[in-house]
Amino acid sequence: MKFKLLALILGTSLMLVACGGGDDAAEPNEPAGGDSGATTASAEKIYKQNCAGCHGGDLGGGAGPNLTAVGSKYSQEDIASIIANGKGIMQGGIIKGEEADAVAAWLAEKK
């Protein structure tokens, strides 16, 4: 029984570390009004730094759900709300502001 509890605590800790926030020293996102190719590249970079640990580098899922077609299920506003507030075991606020908006727009295009 003690081994199962220890394994559960360790597994939960590892998952939280993998899904935790990004590097505060990371480069800031480009302004939203910039080149759409650059914005897409920035959104993908932000995703990889902050979200891929749980949702997979290819959006295929893992500890978090598959996001390959998330735009067919949720609007950009819905995705932004999930990023801000969390959902299920995902904590909210992992990314914020313009970075969260850029990732929400990028994910909303995944249909």
N, C-alpha and C. Protein backbone atom coordinates (compact mmCIF):
# COMPACT_ATOMS: atom_id res chain seq x y z
N MET A 1 0.83 -1.19 0.00
CA MET A 1 0.00 0.00 0.00
C MET A 1 0.88 1.25 0.00
N LYS A 2 1.93 1.24 0.82
CA LYS A 2 2.81 2.40 0.86
C LYS A 2 3.50 2.61 -0.48
N PHE A 3 3.86 1.51 -1.15
CA PHE A 3 4.53 1.61 -2.45
C PHE A 3 3.60 2.25 -3.48
N LYS A 4 2.32 1.87 -3.47
CA LYS A 4 1.36 2.44 -4.42
C LYS A 4 1.18 3.93 -4.17
N LEU A 5 1.11 4.34 -2.92
CA LEU A 5 0.97 5.74 -2.58
C LEU A 5 2.20 6.53 -3.02
N LEU A 6 3.37 5.98 -2.77
CA LEU A 6 4.61 6.62 -3.18
C LEU A 6 4.68 6.74 -4.70
N ALA A 7 4.29 5.70 -5.41
CA ALA A 7 4.31 5.72 -6.87
C ALA A 7 3.32 6.76 -7.40
N LEU A 8 2.16 6.88 -6.78
CA LEU A 8 1.16 7.86 -7.19
C LEU A 8 1.69 9.27 -6.98
N ILE A 9 2.29 9.53 -5.84
CA ILE A 9 2.84 10.86 -5.55
C ILE A 9 3.96 11.20 -6.52
N LEU A 10 4.85 10.26 -6.77
CA LEU A 10 5.95 10.49 -7.69
C LEU A 10 5.44 10.73 -9.10
N GLY A 11 4.51 9.93 -9.56
CA GLY A 11 3.95 10.10 -10.90
C GLY A 11 3.25 11.43 -11.06
N THR A 12 2.47 11.83 -10.07
CA THR A 12 1.78 13.12 -10.10
C THR A 12 2.79 14.26 -10.13
N SER A 13 3.83 14.15 -9.34
CA SER A 13 4.86 15.19 -9.30
C SER A 13 5.54 15.33 -10.65
N LEU A 14 5.88 14.22 -11.28
CA LEU A 14 6.53 14.27 -12.59
C LEU A 14 5.62 14.90 -13.64
N MET A 15 4.33 14.57 -13.59
CA MET A 15 3.39 15.13 -14.55
C MET A 15 3.27 16.64 -14.35
N LEU A 16 3.20 17.09 -13.13
CA LEU A 16 3.09 18.52 -12.86
C LEU A 16 4.34 19.27 -13.31
N VAL A 17 5.49 18.67 -13.13
CA VAL A 17 6.73 19.30 -13.58
C VAL A 17 6.74 19.40 -15.10
N ALA A 18 6.33 18.34 -15.78
CA ALA A 18 6.33 18.34 -17.25
C ALA A 18 5.32 19.33 -17.81
N CYS A 19 4.22 19.55 -17.12
CA CYS A 19 3.17 20.44 -17.61
C CYS A 19 3.28 21.85 -17.02
N GLY A 20 4.32 22.10 -16.28
CA GLY A 20 4.47 23.39 -15.61
C GLY A 20 4.71 24.52 -16.58
N GLY A 21 4.84 25.71 -16.03
CA GLY A 21 5.03 26.93 -16.82
C GLY A 21 6.34 26.93 -17.57
N GLY A 22 6.46 27.89 -18.45
CA GLY A 22 7.63 28.00 -19.29
C GLY A 22 8.74 28.78 -18.61
N ASP A 23 9.78 29.00 -19.34
CA ASP A 23 10.93 29.74 -18.88
C ASP A 23 10.60 31.23 -18.91
N ASP A 24 10.67 31.90 -17.76
CA ASP A 24 10.36 33.31 -17.69
C ASP A 24 11.35 34.15 -18.49
N ALA A 25 12.53 33.61 -18.78
CA ALA A 25 13.54 34.34 -19.52
C ALA A 25 13.40 34.14 -21.03
N ALA A 26 12.37 33.43 -21.45
CA ALA A 26 12.17 33.17 -22.87
C ALA A 26 11.92 34.48 -23.62
N GLU A 27 12.19 34.47 -24.90
CA GLU A 27 11.99 35.66 -25.71
C GLU A 27 10.50 35.99 -25.74
N PRO A 28 10.15 37.26 -25.68
CA PRO A 28 8.74 37.63 -25.75
C PRO A 28 8.16 37.35 -27.13
N ASN A 29 6.85 37.17 -27.16
CA ASN A 29 6.15 36.92 -28.42
C ASN A 29 6.17 38.18 -29.27
N GLU A 30 6.12 38.00 -30.58
CA GLU A 30 6.06 39.13 -31.48
C GLU A 30 4.69 39.77 -31.39
N PRO A 31 4.57 41.05 -31.72
CA PRO A 31 3.27 41.71 -31.67
C PRO A 31 2.26 41.01 -32.57
N ALA A 32 0.99 41.04 -32.15
CA ALA A 32 -0.07 40.34 -32.86
C ALA A 32 -0.27 40.87 -34.27
N GLY A 33 0.07 42.10 -34.54
CA GLY A 33 -0.16 42.68 -35.84
C GLY A 33 0.92 42.36 -36.86
N GLY A 34 1.89 41.54 -36.51
CA GLY A 34 3.02 41.26 -37.39
C GLY A 34 2.68 40.26 -38.47
N ASP A 35 3.71 39.79 -39.14
CA ASP A 35 3.62 38.81 -40.21
C ASP A 35 2.96 37.54 -39.68
N SER A 36 1.94 37.03 -40.37
CA SER A 36 1.22 35.85 -39.89
C SER A 36 2.13 34.63 -39.83
N GLY A 37 3.10 34.51 -40.75
CA GLY A 37 4.04 33.40 -40.70
C GLY A 37 4.90 33.47 -39.45
N ALA A 38 5.34 34.68 -39.11
CA ALA A 38 6.15 34.86 -37.90
C ALA A 38 5.30 34.60 -36.66
N THR A 39 4.05 35.05 -36.68
CA THR A 39 3.16 34.84 -35.54
C THR A 39 2.90 33.35 -35.35
N THR A 40 2.68 32.64 -36.44
CA THR A 40 2.47 31.19 -36.37
C THR A 40 3.70 30.51 -35.80
N ALA A 41 4.87 30.92 -36.27
CA ALA A 41 6.11 30.33 -35.76
C ALA A 41 6.27 30.63 -34.28
N SER A 42 5.92 31.84 -33.87
CA SER A 42 6.02 32.20 -32.46
C SER A 42 5.04 31.40 -31.62
N ALA A 43 3.81 31.26 -32.11
CA ALA A 43 2.80 30.49 -31.37
C ALA A 43 3.24 29.05 -31.22
N GLU A 44 3.79 28.48 -32.30
CA GLU A 44 4.25 27.10 -32.23
C GLU A 44 5.41 26.96 -31.25
N LYS A 45 6.31 27.93 -31.22
CA LYS A 45 7.44 27.92 -30.29
C LYS A 45 6.95 28.01 -28.84
N ILE A 46 5.99 28.90 -28.59
CA ILE A 46 5.41 29.04 -27.25
C ILE A 46 4.75 27.74 -26.83
N TYR A 47 3.99 27.13 -27.75
CA TYR A 47 3.34 25.85 -27.48
C TYR A 47 4.39 24.81 -27.09
N LYS A 48 5.45 24.70 -27.88
CA LYS A 48 6.47 23.68 -27.62
C LYS A 48 7.16 23.90 -26.27
N GLN A 49 7.34 25.16 -25.88
CA GLN A 49 8.00 25.47 -24.61
C GLN A 49 7.09 25.21 -23.41
N ASN A 50 5.79 25.37 -23.58
CA ASN A 50 4.90 25.35 -22.43
C ASN A 50 3.84 24.25 -22.41
N CYS A 51 3.50 23.71 -23.56
CA CYS A 51 2.35 22.82 -23.66
C CYS A 51 2.69 21.41 -24.13
N ALA A 52 3.76 21.30 -24.90
CA ALA A 52 4.10 20.02 -25.54
C ALA A 52 4.39 18.92 -24.53
N GLY A 53 4.83 19.27 -23.34
CA GLY A 53 5.12 18.26 -22.33
C GLY A 53 3.91 17.41 -21.99
N CYS A 54 2.73 18.00 -22.08
CA CYS A 54 1.50 17.26 -21.78
C CYS A 54 0.69 16.92 -23.04
N HIS A 55 0.71 17.82 -24.02
CA HIS A 55 -0.12 17.62 -25.21
C HIS A 55 0.66 17.05 -26.40
N GLY A 56 1.95 16.83 -26.24
CA GLY A 56 2.77 16.24 -27.29
C GLY A 56 3.30 17.27 -28.26
N GLY A 57 4.52 17.07 -28.71
CA GLY A 57 5.14 17.97 -29.66
C GLY A 57 4.42 18.02 -30.99
N ASP A 58 3.70 16.96 -31.31
CA ASP A 58 2.94 16.88 -32.57
C ASP A 58 1.45 17.10 -32.33
N LEU A 59 1.08 17.61 -31.15
CA LEU A 59 -0.31 17.86 -30.74
C LEU A 59 -1.08 16.57 -30.49
N GLY A 60 -0.40 15.43 -30.51
CA GLY A 60 -1.06 14.14 -30.45
C GLY A 60 -1.53 13.69 -29.09
N GLY A 61 -1.25 14.45 -28.05
CA GLY A 61 -1.71 14.08 -26.72
C GLY A 61 -0.65 13.37 -25.92
N GLY A 62 -0.98 13.07 -24.71
CA GLY A 62 -0.10 12.43 -23.74
C GLY A 62 -0.84 12.48 -22.42
N ALA A 63 -0.28 13.21 -21.45
CA ALA A 63 -1.00 13.43 -20.19
C ALA A 63 -2.22 14.33 -20.44
N GLY A 64 -2.11 15.20 -21.43
CA GLY A 64 -3.21 16.07 -21.84
C GLY A 64 -3.84 15.52 -23.11
N PRO A 65 -5.00 16.05 -23.48
CA PRO A 65 -5.70 15.52 -24.66
C PRO A 65 -5.01 15.86 -25.98
N ASN A 66 -5.37 15.12 -27.00
CA ASN A 66 -4.94 15.34 -28.37
C ASN A 66 -5.51 16.68 -28.85
N LEU A 67 -4.67 17.52 -29.46
CA LEU A 67 -5.11 18.83 -29.93
C LEU A 67 -5.05 18.97 -31.45
N THR A 68 -4.86 17.86 -32.18
CA THR A 68 -4.68 17.96 -33.62
C THR A 68 -5.88 18.56 -34.34
N ALA A 69 -7.08 18.42 -33.79
CA ALA A 69 -8.28 18.99 -34.41
C ALA A 69 -9.08 19.81 -33.39
N VAL A 70 -8.39 20.42 -32.45
CA VAL A 70 -9.07 21.14 -31.38
C VAL A 70 -9.91 22.30 -31.90
N GLY A 71 -9.51 22.90 -33.03
CA GLY A 71 -10.26 24.01 -33.61
C GLY A 71 -11.62 23.61 -34.16
N SER A 72 -11.83 22.32 -34.41
CA SER A 72 -13.14 21.87 -34.87
C SER A 72 -14.09 21.64 -33.69
N LYS A 73 -13.54 21.63 -32.50
CA LYS A 73 -14.37 21.43 -31.30
C LYS A 73 -14.59 22.73 -30.53
N TYR A 74 -13.55 23.57 -30.48
CA TYR A 74 -13.61 24.82 -29.71
C TYR A 74 -13.27 26.02 -30.58
N SER A 75 -13.89 27.16 -30.29
CA SER A 75 -13.56 28.41 -30.97
C SER A 75 -12.27 28.98 -30.37
N GLN A 76 -11.72 29.99 -31.03
CA GLN A 76 -10.53 30.65 -30.50
C GLN A 76 -10.78 31.20 -29.10
N GLU A 77 -11.96 31.76 -28.88
CA GLU A 77 -12.31 32.31 -27.57
C GLU A 77 -12.40 31.21 -26.51
N ASP A 78 -12.97 30.06 -26.89
CA ASP A 78 -13.05 28.93 -25.96
C ASP A 78 -11.66 28.44 -25.59
N ILE A 79 -10.78 28.34 -26.59
CA ILE A 79 -9.42 27.88 -26.34
C ILE A 79 -8.69 28.86 -25.45
N ALA A 80 -8.87 30.16 -25.71
CA ALA A 80 -8.24 31.19 -24.86
C ALA A 80 -8.73 31.07 -23.42
N SER A 81 -10.01 30.78 -23.24
CA SER A 81 -10.56 30.61 -21.90
C SER A 81 -9.97 29.39 -21.20
N ILE A 82 -9.81 28.30 -21.94
CA ILE A 82 -9.20 27.09 -21.36
C ILE A 82 -7.76 27.37 -20.96
N ILE A 83 -7.02 28.09 -21.81
CA ILE A 83 -5.64 28.44 -21.49
C ILE A 83 -5.60 29.29 -20.22
N ALA A 84 -6.50 30.26 -20.11
CA ALA A 84 -6.51 31.17 -18.97
C ALA A 84 -6.98 30.51 -17.68
N ASN A 85 -8.01 29.67 -17.78
CA ASN A 85 -8.66 29.14 -16.58
C ASN A 85 -8.36 27.67 -16.29
N GLY A 86 -7.78 26.97 -17.26
CA GLY A 86 -7.52 25.55 -17.09
C GLY A 86 -8.77 24.74 -17.37
N LYS A 87 -8.56 23.44 -17.43
CA LYS A 87 -9.68 22.51 -17.64
C LYS A 87 -9.19 21.13 -17.23
N GLY A 88 -10.01 20.40 -16.50
CA GLY A 88 -9.60 19.08 -16.02
C GLY A 88 -8.39 19.24 -15.11
N ILE A 89 -7.32 18.49 -15.40
CA ILE A 89 -6.12 18.57 -14.57
C ILE A 89 -5.18 19.69 -15.01
N MET A 90 -5.49 20.34 -16.13
CA MET A 90 -4.64 21.43 -16.61
C MET A 90 -4.86 22.67 -15.77
N GLN A 91 -3.76 23.22 -15.27
CA GLN A 91 -3.86 24.46 -14.52
C GLN A 91 -3.98 25.63 -15.49
N GLY A 92 -4.66 26.66 -15.08
CA GLY A 92 -4.81 27.84 -15.91
C GLY A 92 -3.60 28.76 -15.80
N GLY A 93 -3.44 29.63 -16.77
CA GLY A 93 -2.43 30.66 -16.71
C GLY A 93 -1.01 30.21 -16.99
N ILE A 94 -0.84 29.04 -17.61
CA ILE A 94 0.51 28.58 -17.93
C ILE A 94 1.17 29.57 -18.90
N ILE A 95 0.39 30.07 -19.85
CA ILE A 95 0.83 31.16 -20.71
C ILE A 95 -0.21 32.26 -20.60
N LYS A 96 0.22 33.51 -20.77
CA LYS A 96 -0.68 34.64 -20.54
C LYS A 96 -0.53 35.69 -21.63
N GLY A 97 -1.48 36.60 -21.65
CA GLY A 97 -1.41 37.78 -22.49
C GLY A 97 -1.35 37.46 -23.98
N GLU A 98 -0.49 38.21 -24.68
CA GLU A 98 -0.37 38.05 -26.13
C GLU A 98 0.09 36.66 -26.51
N GLU A 99 0.91 36.03 -25.67
CA GLU A 99 1.36 34.67 -25.96
C GLU A 99 0.18 33.71 -25.94
N ALA A 100 -0.69 33.83 -24.95
CA ALA A 100 -1.87 32.96 -24.86
C ALA A 100 -2.79 33.21 -26.05
N ASP A 101 -2.96 34.48 -26.43
CA ASP A 101 -3.81 34.81 -27.58
C ASP A 101 -3.26 34.21 -28.87
N ALA A 102 -1.93 34.28 -29.05
CA ALA A 102 -1.30 33.74 -30.25
C ALA A 102 -1.48 32.22 -30.32
N VAL A 103 -1.28 31.54 -29.18
CA VAL A 103 -1.43 30.08 -29.16
C VAL A 103 -2.89 29.70 -29.38
N ALA A 104 -3.83 30.44 -28.78
CA ALA A 104 -5.25 30.15 -28.98
C ALA A 104 -5.63 30.29 -30.45
N ALA A 105 -5.14 31.34 -31.11
CA ALA A 105 -5.43 31.54 -32.54
C ALA A 105 -4.83 30.42 -33.37
N TRP A 106 -3.61 30.03 -33.05
CA TRP A 106 -2.92 28.96 -33.78
C TRP A 106 -3.65 27.63 -33.61
N LEU A 107 -4.04 27.32 -32.36
CA LEU A 107 -4.76 26.06 -32.12
C LEU A 107 -6.14 26.06 -32.76
N ALA A 108 -6.80 27.22 -32.80
CA ALA A 108 -8.13 27.30 -33.41
C ALA A 108 -8.10 26.97 -34.89
N GLU A 109 -6.95 27.12 -35.52
CA GLU A 109 -6.80 26.77 -36.94
C GLU A 109 -6.67 25.27 -37.16
N LYS A 110 -6.46 24.51 -36.10
CA LYS A 110 -6.27 23.04 -36.20
C LYS A 110 -7.65 22.39 -36.29
N LYS A 111 -8.02 22.01 -37.51
CA LYS A 111 -9.37 21.44 -37.71
C LYS A 111 -9.31 20.09 -38.36
